[in-house]
Amino acid sequence: MRRTLTILSLLLTALLLAVVVRCLFVTQYRVTDTDGDALRAGDRVLVNRMAYGWRVPGERWWGYCRVGSGQPARGEYVAFYDPSLYGPADRRPVRVGRVVAVPGDTLWLDARRRALLPGRTTADARPIPVPATGSRIGVTPWNARLLWNTLRRHEGIHVVLVSDTALRFDSHRLDSVGFQQDYYWLSGSLGYGLVPASALVGRAFCVSYSLDDSLRVGRRFRADRFFLPL
């Protein structure tokens, strides 16, 4: 009887330790699409939840709260709650993308507003500043829609988009707008773009294993993707 109780105690301790590690330190997410240059659908990605400050669970009850701080660097792979959806962040799907630009950077858009350029490669390239906490960004015909969407979804400011080229608030046309948090430009096959700091989960640092769901059972494991660093 004592031996049984000892085994059960060890099992419960191990289970509790695993839950604590998953909630506080490292967790795993399944990549459902090719969310970055180094990732494939079916990858299981390990994420360091402490990298940008610990995100307190239970946001649907008491709101967003983060203990500690940290910032992603260009080139890092980041796990984040899908910012294109509404509702509590911890009820949204988790995506993984690569950091292209950090707060204060400037990206360049082609004159037709359809694609990002690797730099100011043409004379008519349009600048797209990446917002930082406390920054003000001028409203232009080529960034008005992006700013409108960002302010409405993530800053709680219900500005009006005028003719897809200008912003209006309380019957006044806006020359510039301010931001209360940092933003990052993330890339992936699902699109992405500006992602607020409040959507970040942690740094994706390793592919633990990968499955190809298009193959039959027994052949799904991708042997070349075990513990692949990002």
C-alpha atoms as a PDB file:
ATOM      1  CA  MET A   1       0.000   0.000   0.000  1.00  0.00           C
ATOM      2  CA  ARG A   2       2.801   2.394   0.923  1.00  0.00           C
ATOM      3  CA  ARG A   3       4.578   1.560  -2.344  1.00  0.00           C
ATOM      4  CA  THR A   4       1.407   2.364  -4.331  1.00  0.00           C
ATOM      5  CA  LEU A   5       0.968   5.687  -2.548  1.00  0.00           C
ATOM      6  CA  THR A   6       4.604   6.572  -3.224  1.00  0.00           C
ATOM      7  CA  ILE A   7       4.234   5.841  -6.956  1.00  0.00           C
ATOM      8  CA  LEU A   8       1.007   7.870  -7.150  1.00  0.00           C
ATOM      9  CA  SER A   9       2.683  10.750  -5.324  1.00  0.00           C
ATOM     10  CA  LEU A  10       5.596  10.722  -7.775  1.00  0.00           C
ATOM     11  CA  LEU A  11       3.237  10.621 -10.763  1.00  0.00           C
ATOM     12  CA  LEU A  12       1.169  13.536  -9.441  1.00  0.00           C
ATOM     13  CA  THR A  13       4.328  15.535  -8.727  1.00  0.00           C
ATOM     14  CA  ALA A  14       5.638  14.897 -12.245  1.00  0.00           C
ATOM     15  CA  LEU A  15       2.277  15.896 -13.748  1.00  0.00           C
ATOM     16  CA  LEU A  16       2.152  19.087 -11.667  1.00  0.00           C
ATOM     17  CA  LEU A  17       5.724  19.940 -12.665  1.00  0.00           C
ATOM     18  CA  ALA A  18       4.885  19.423 -16.356  1.00  0.00           C
ATOM     19  CA  VAL A  19       1.842  21.718 -16.056  1.00  0.00           C
ATOM     20  CA  VAL A  20       3.898  24.415 -14.298  1.00  0.00           C
ATOM     21  CA  VAL A  21       6.652  24.250 -16.936  1.00  0.00           C
ATOM     22  CA  ARG A  22       4.102  24.455 -19.760  1.00  0.00           C
ATOM     23  CA  CYS A  23       2.254  27.416 -18.226  1.00  0.00           C
ATOM     24  CA  LEU A  24       5.278  29.388 -17.081  1.00  0.00           C
ATOM     25  CA  PHE A  25       8.298  28.546 -19.182  1.00  0.00           C
ATOM     26  CA  VAL A  26       8.048  26.476 -22.382  1.00  0.00           C
ATOM     27  CA  THR A  27       5.028  25.393 -24.383  1.00  0.00           C
ATOM     28  CA  GLN A  28       4.477  23.781 -27.773  1.00  0.00           C
ATOM     29  CA  TYR A  29       2.310  24.831 -30.714  1.00  0.00           C
ATOM     30  CA  ARG A  30       1.411  23.086 -33.925  1.00  0.00           C
ATOM     31  CA  VAL A  31       2.097  24.970 -37.147  1.00  0.00           C
ATOM     32  CA  THR A  32      -1.014  24.692 -39.317  1.00  0.00           C
ATOM     33  CA  ASP A  33       0.471  26.444 -42.341  1.00  0.00           C
ATOM     34  CA  THR A  34       3.917  27.400 -43.596  1.00  0.00           C
ATOM     35  CA  ASP A  35       4.075  30.347 -41.209  1.00  0.00           C
ATOM     36  CA  GLY A  36       7.690  31.263 -41.941  1.00  0.00           C
ATOM     37  CA  ASP A  37      10.636  30.571 -44.190  1.00  0.00           C
ATOM     38  CA  ALA A  38      12.019  27.861 -41.890  1.00  0.00           C
ATOM     39  CA  LEU A  39       8.681  26.287 -40.916  1.00  0.00           C
ATOM     40  CA  ARG A  40       6.386  23.731 -42.512  1.00  0.00           C
ATOM     41  CA  ALA A  41       2.805  22.709 -41.874  1.00  0.00           C
ATOM     42  CA  GLY A  42       2.804  19.984 -39.235  1.00  0.00           C
ATOM     43  CA  ASP A  43       5.829  21.281 -37.323  1.00  0.00           C
ATOM     44  CA  ARG A  44       5.564  21.261 -33.524  1.00  0.00           C
ATOM     45  CA  VAL A  45       7.340  24.377 -32.304  1.00  0.00           C
ATOM     46  CA  LEU A  46       8.719  24.966 -28.803  1.00  0.00           C
ATOM     47  CA  VAL A  47       8.131  28.485 -27.484  1.00  0.00           C
ATOM     48  CA  ASN A  48       9.909  30.280 -24.648  1.00  0.00           C
ATOM     49  CA  ARG A  49       7.072  32.024 -22.806  1.00  0.00           C
ATOM     50  CA  MET A  50       9.482  34.106 -20.696  1.00  0.00           C
ATOM     51  CA  ALA A  51      11.373  35.719 -23.595  1.00  0.00           C
ATOM     52  CA  TYR A  52       9.243  38.881 -23.724  1.00  0.00           C
ATOM     53  CA  GLY A  53       7.918  38.774 -20.168  1.00  0.00           C
ATOM     54  CA  TRP A  54       5.603  36.149 -18.717  1.00  0.00           C
ATOM     55  CA  ARG A  55       2.066  36.456 -20.021  1.00  0.00           C
ATOM     56  CA  VAL A  56      -0.374  35.804 -17.157  1.00  0.00           C
ATOM     57  CA  PRO A  57      -2.970  33.135 -18.128  1.00  0.00           C
ATOM     58  CA  GLY A  58      -6.713  33.729 -17.787  1.00  0.00           C
ATOM     59  CA  GLU A  59      -7.063  36.899 -19.877  1.00  0.00           C
ATOM     60  CA  ARG A  60     -10.714  36.157 -20.606  1.00  0.00           C
ATOM     61  CA  TRP A  61     -11.469  36.855 -16.911  1.00  0.00           C
ATOM     62  CA  TRP A  62      -9.092  39.642 -15.822  1.00  0.00           C
ATOM     63  CA  GLY A  63      -7.596  40.998 -19.034  1.00  0.00           C
ATOM     64  CA  TYR A  64      -4.117  41.255 -20.456  1.00  0.00           C
ATOM     65  CA  CYS A  65      -1.209  41.288 -17.995  1.00  0.00           C
ATOM     66  CA  ARG A  66       2.492  40.610 -18.492  1.00  0.00           C
ATOM     67  CA  VAL A  67       5.175  40.225 -15.795  1.00  0.00           C
ATOM     68  CA  GLY A  68       8.593  41.390 -16.935  1.00  0.00           C
ATOM     69  CA  SER A  69       9.513  42.656 -20.378  1.00  0.00           C
ATOM     70  CA  GLY A  70      11.538  41.917 -23.472  1.00  0.00           C
ATOM     71  CA  GLN A  71      11.534  42.726 -27.166  1.00  0.00           C
ATOM     72  CA  PRO A  72      11.829  40.493 -30.234  1.00  0.00           C
ATOM     73  CA  ALA A  73      14.798  41.134 -32.500  1.00  0.00           C
ATOM     74  CA  ARG A  74      14.769  41.198 -36.290  1.00  0.00           C
ATOM     75  CA  GLY A  75      14.941  37.692 -37.696  1.00  0.00           C
ATOM     76  CA  GLU A  76      13.495  35.962 -34.628  1.00  0.00           C
ATOM     77  CA  TYR A  77      10.527  33.629 -34.905  1.00  0.00           C
ATOM     78  CA  VAL A  78       7.673  34.690 -32.667  1.00  0.00           C
ATOM     79  CA  ALA A  79       4.498  32.950 -31.499  1.00  0.00           C
ATOM     80  CA  PHE A  80       1.531  35.311 -31.238  1.00  0.00           C
ATOM     81  CA  TYR A  81      -2.243  35.294 -30.936  1.00  0.00           C
ATOM     82  CA  ASP A  82      -3.858  36.021 -34.297  1.00  0.00           C
ATOM     83  CA  PRO A  83      -4.445  39.810 -34.246  1.00  0.00           C
ATOM     84  CA  SER A  84      -6.913  39.711 -37.142  1.00  0.00           C
ATOM     85  CA  LEU A  85      -9.622  38.173 -34.925  1.00  0.00           C
ATOM     86  CA  TYR A  86     -11.689  39.664 -32.114  1.00  0.00           C
ATOM     87  CA  GLY A  87     -12.266  38.391 -28.589  1.00  0.00           C
ATOM     88  CA  PRO A  88      -9.924  37.486 -25.699  1.00  0.00           C
ATOM     89  CA  ALA A  89      -6.408  36.877 -26.999  1.00  0.00           C
ATOM     90  CA  ASP A  90      -6.067  33.473 -25.346  1.00  0.00           C
ATOM     91  CA  ARG A  91      -9.124  32.235 -27.278  1.00  0.00           C
ATOM     92  CA  ARG A  92      -7.591  33.017 -30.684  1.00  0.00           C
ATOM     93  CA  PRO A  93      -5.384  30.708 -32.773  1.00  0.00           C
ATOM     94  CA  VAL A  94      -1.632  30.995 -32.199  1.00  0.00           C
ATOM     95  CA  ARG A  95       0.473  31.804 -35.272  1.00  0.00           C
ATOM     96  CA  VAL A  96       4.222  31.794 -35.793  1.00  0.00           C
ATOM     97  CA  GLY A  97       6.004  34.397 -37.909  1.00  0.00           C
ATOM     98  CA  ARG A  98       9.418  35.945 -38.457  1.00  0.00           C
ATOM     99  CA  VAL A  99      10.184  39.490 -37.290  1.00  0.00           C
ATOM    100  CA  VAL A 100      10.885  41.702 -40.317  1.00  0.00           C
ATOM    101  CA  ALA A 101      10.830  45.102 -38.580  1.00  0.00           C
ATOM    102  CA  VAL A 102      10.771  46.392 -34.992  1.00  0.00           C
ATOM    103  CA  PRO A 103       9.283  49.583 -33.468  1.00  0.00           C
ATOM    104  CA  GLY A 104      10.797  52.689 -35.049  1.00  0.00           C
ATOM    105  CA  ASP A 105      11.810  50.965 -38.301  1.00  0.00           C
ATOM    106  CA  THR A 106      10.536  52.098 -41.689  1.00  0.00           C
ATOM    107  CA  LEU A 107       9.356  49.704 -44.385  1.00  0.00           C
ATOM    108  CA  TRP A 108       8.821  50.644 -48.018  1.00  0.00           C
ATOM    109  CA  LEU A 109       5.728  49.987 -50.088  1.00  0.00           C
ATOM    110  CA  ASP A 110       5.471  50.010 -53.862  1.00  0.00           C
ATOM    111  CA  ALA A 111       3.585  52.907 -55.463  1.00  0.00           C
ATOM    112  CA  ARG A 112       0.491  50.728 -56.062  1.00  0.00           C
ATOM    113  CA  ARG A 113       0.299  49.811 -52.344  1.00  0.00           C
ATOM    114  CA  ARG A 114       0.397  46.092 -53.085  1.00  0.00           C
ATOM    115  CA  ALA A 115       3.800  44.787 -51.979  1.00  0.00           C
ATOM    116  CA  LEU A 116       6.627  45.498 -49.574  1.00  0.00           C
ATOM    117  CA  LEU A 117       9.989  46.358 -51.083  1.00  0.00           C
ATOM    118  CA  PRO A 118      13.382  45.230 -49.686  1.00  0.00           C
ATOM    119  CA  GLY A 119      14.258  48.917 -49.264  1.00  0.00           C
ATOM    120  CA  ARG A 120      13.807  52.270 -50.969  1.00  0.00           C
ATOM    121  CA  THR A 121      14.550  50.709 -54.332  1.00  0.00           C
ATOM    122  CA  THR A 122      12.462  53.123 -56.429  1.00  0.00           C
ATOM    123  CA  ALA A 123      11.934  56.873 -56.355  1.00  0.00           C
ATOM    124  CA  ASP A 124       8.175  56.466 -55.829  1.00  0.00           C
ATOM    125  CA  ALA A 125       8.449  53.948 -52.958  1.00  0.00           C
ATOM    126  CA  ARG A 126       6.164  54.835 -50.029  1.00  0.00           C
ATOM    127  CA  PRO A 127       7.404  54.776 -46.391  1.00  0.00           C
ATOM    128  CA  ILE A 128       5.531  52.722 -43.782  1.00  0.00           C
ATOM    129  CA  PRO A 129       6.798  53.542 -40.258  1.00  0.00           C
ATOM    130  CA  VAL A 130       6.410  50.794 -37.636  1.00  0.00           C
ATOM    131  CA  PRO A 131       4.732  52.329 -34.534  1.00  0.00           C
ATOM    132  CA  ALA A 132       6.503  52.497 -31.168  1.00  0.00           C
ATOM    133  CA  THR A 133       5.036  53.362 -27.770  1.00  0.00           C
ATOM    134  CA  GLY A 134       4.353  57.102 -27.624  1.00  0.00           C
ATOM    135  CA  SER A 135       5.170  57.690 -31.288  1.00  0.00           C
ATOM    136  CA  ARG A 136       3.079  59.749 -33.699  1.00  0.00           C
ATOM    137  CA  ILE A 137       2.809  58.775 -37.361  1.00  0.00           C
ATOM    138  CA  GLY A 138       1.603  61.033 -40.135  1.00  0.00           C
ATOM    139  CA  VAL A 139      -1.507  59.938 -42.028  1.00  0.00           C
ATOM    140  CA  THR A 140      -0.910  59.566 -45.768  1.00  0.00           C
ATOM    141  CA  PRO A 141      -2.968  58.145 -48.643  1.00  0.00           C
ATOM    142  CA  TRP A 142      -0.843  54.978 -48.677  1.00  0.00           C
ATOM    143  CA  ASN A 143      -0.904  54.200 -44.933  1.00  0.00           C
ATOM    144  CA  ALA A 144      -4.408  55.410 -43.981  1.00  0.00           C
ATOM    145  CA  ARG A 145      -6.068  51.978 -44.235  1.00  0.00           C
ATOM    146  CA  LEU A 146      -3.269  50.266 -42.283  1.00  0.00           C
ATOM    147  CA  LEU A 147      -3.432  52.892 -39.514  1.00  0.00           C
ATOM    148  CA  TRP A 148      -7.242  52.759 -39.436  1.00  0.00           C
ATOM    149  CA  ASN A 149      -7.241  48.990 -38.986  1.00  0.00           C
ATOM    150  CA  THR A 150      -4.480  49.089 -36.346  1.00  0.00           C
ATOM    151  CA  LEU A 151      -6.104  51.854 -34.294  1.00  0.00           C
ATOM    152  CA  ARG A 152      -9.515  50.224 -34.412  1.00  0.00           C
ATOM    153  CA  ARG A 153      -8.372  46.709 -33.484  1.00  0.00           C
ATOM    154  CA  HIS A 154      -5.507  47.291 -31.068  1.00  0.00           C
ATOM    155  CA  GLU A 155      -5.688  50.844 -29.720  1.00  0.00           C
ATOM    156  CA  GLY A 156      -9.433  51.061 -29.123  1.00  0.00           C
ATOM    157  CA  ILE A 157      -9.741  54.271 -31.166  1.00  0.00           C
ATOM    158  CA  HIS A 158     -12.679  54.237 -33.568  1.00  0.00           C
ATOM    159  CA  VAL A 159     -11.470  56.533 -36.316  1.00  0.00           C
ATOM    160  CA  VAL A 160     -13.265  56.721 -39.661  1.00  0.00           C
ATOM    161  CA  LEU A 161     -11.569  55.796 -42.928  1.00  0.00           C
ATOM    162  CA  VAL A 162     -12.324  58.348 -45.644  1.00  0.00           C
ATOM    163  CA  SER A 163     -12.077  57.273 -49.295  1.00  0.00           C
ATOM    164  CA  ASP A 164      -9.368  54.768 -48.317  1.00  0.00           C
ATOM    165  CA  THR A 165      -6.829  57.625 -48.161  1.00  0.00           C
ATOM    166  CA  ALA A 166      -7.537  59.685 -44.999  1.00  0.00           C
ATOM    167  CA  LEU A 167      -8.722  59.385 -41.393  1.00  0.00           C
ATOM    168  CA  ARG A 168     -11.343  61.362 -39.495  1.00  0.00           C
ATOM    169  CA  PHE A 169     -12.147  61.428 -35.783  1.00  0.00           C
ATOM    170  CA  ASP A 170     -15.017  63.361 -34.233  1.00  0.00           C
ATOM    171  CA  SER A 171     -15.595  65.219 -37.523  1.00  0.00           C
ATOM    172  CA  HIS A 172     -11.953  66.344 -37.699  1.00  0.00           C
ATOM    173  CA  ARG A 173      -9.494  65.143 -40.316  1.00  0.00           C
ATOM    174  CA  LEU A 174      -6.343  63.696 -38.714  1.00  0.00           C
ATOM    175  CA  ASP A 175      -2.869  64.709 -39.832  1.00  0.00           C
ATOM    176  CA  SER A 176      -1.165  62.229 -37.477  1.00  0.00           C
ATOM    177  CA  VAL A 177      -2.077  59.545 -34.934  1.00  0.00           C
ATOM    178  CA  GLY A 178      -0.416  58.291 -31.732  1.00  0.00           C
ATOM    179  CA  PHE A 179       0.150  54.780 -30.394  1.00  0.00           C
ATOM    180  CA  GLN A 180       0.193  53.392 -26.867  1.00  0.00           C
ATOM    181  CA  GLN A 181       2.169  50.202 -27.499  1.00  0.00           C
ATOM    182  CA  ASP A 182       4.951  48.793 -29.636  1.00  0.00           C
ATOM    183  CA  TYR A 183       4.287  46.996 -32.916  1.00  0.00           C
ATOM    184  CA  TYR A 184       6.268  44.482 -34.960  1.00  0.00           C
ATOM    185  CA  TRP A 185       6.008  43.629 -38.634  1.00  0.00           C
ATOM    186  CA  LEU A 186       5.864  39.841 -38.936  1.00  0.00           C
ATOM    187  CA  SER A 187       5.965  37.801 -42.123  1.00  0.00           C
ATOM    188  CA  GLY A 188       4.502  34.416 -43.000  1.00  0.00           C
ATOM    189  CA  SER A 189       2.487  32.732 -45.713  1.00  0.00           C
ATOM    190  CA  LEU A 190      -0.747  33.754 -43.972  1.00  0.00           C
ATOM    191  CA  GLY A 191       0.088  37.387 -44.532  1.00  0.00           C
ATOM    192  CA  TYR A 192       0.405  39.059 -41.133  1.00  0.00           C
ATOM    193  CA  GLY A 193       1.809  42.592 -41.009  1.00  0.00           C
ATOM    194  CA  LEU A 194       1.645  44.801 -37.914  1.00  0.00           C
ATOM    195  CA  VAL A 195       1.324  42.768 -34.714  1.00  0.00           C
ATOM    196  CA  PRO A 196       0.973  44.552 -31.339  1.00  0.00           C
ATOM    197  CA  ALA A 197       3.180  43.709 -28.376  1.00  0.00           C
ATOM    198  CA  SER A 198       0.025  42.691 -26.494  1.00  0.00           C
ATOM    199  CA  ALA A 199      -0.446  39.767 -28.927  1.00  0.00           C
ATOM    200  CA  LEU A 200       3.004  38.232 -28.391  1.00  0.00           C
ATOM    201  CA  VAL A 201       3.207  34.846 -26.644  1.00  0.00           C
ATOM    202  CA  GLY A 202       6.945  34.144 -26.747  1.00  0.00           C
ATOM    203  CA  ARG A 203       9.981  33.311 -28.841  1.00  0.00           C
ATOM    204  CA  ALA A 204       9.814  30.189 -31.028  1.00  0.00           C
ATOM    205  CA  PHE A 205      13.256  28.618 -30.750  1.00  0.00           C
ATOM    206  CA  CYS A 206      13.028  25.000 -31.894  1.00  0.00           C
ATOM    207  CA  VAL A 207      11.007  22.515 -33.970  1.00  0.00           C
ATOM    208  CA  SER A 208      10.641  19.583 -31.567  1.00  0.00           C
ATOM    209  CA  TYR A 209       9.230  17.220 -34.207  1.00  0.00           C
ATOM    210  CA  SER A 210       7.161  17.332 -37.376  1.00  0.00           C
ATOM    211  CA  LEU A 211       4.374  15.268 -38.932  1.00  0.00           C
ATOM    212  CA  ASP A 212       3.218  15.161 -42.532  1.00  0.00           C
ATOM    213  CA  ASP A 213      -0.521  14.587 -42.224  1.00  0.00           C
ATOM    214  CA  SER A 214      -0.841  13.824 -45.937  1.00  0.00           C
ATOM    215  CA  LEU A 215       0.946  10.478 -45.445  1.00  0.00           C
ATOM    216  CA  ARG A 216      -0.395   7.302 -43.836  1.00  0.00           C
ATOM    217  CA  VAL A 217       0.230   6.520 -40.176  1.00  0.00           C
ATOM    218  CA  GLY A 218       3.743   5.223 -39.603  1.00  0.00           C
ATOM    219  CA  ARG A 219       5.249   7.390 -42.326  1.00  0.00           C
ATOM    220  CA  ARG A 220       4.238  10.813 -41.072  1.00  0.00           C
ATOM    221  CA  PHE A 221       7.328  11.585 -39.001  1.00  0.00           C
ATOM    222  CA  ARG A 222       9.834  13.838 -40.759  1.00  0.00           C
ATOM    223  CA  ALA A 223      13.137  12.480 -39.499  1.00  0.00           C
ATOM    224  CA  ASP A 224      15.091  15.559 -40.626  1.00  0.00           C
ATOM    225  CA  ARG A 225      13.060  17.950 -38.443  1.00  0.00           C
ATOM    226  CA  PHE A 226      13.639  16.593 -34.937  1.00  0.00           C
ATOM    227  CA  PHE A 227      14.915  19.335 -32.561  1.00  0.00           C
ATOM    228  CA  LEU A 228      15.653  21.693 -35.450  1.00  0.00           C
ATOM    229  CA  PRO A 229      16.741  25.107 -34.083  1.00  0.00           C
ATOM    230  CA  LEU A 230      15.133  28.277 -35.461  1.00  0.00           C
END
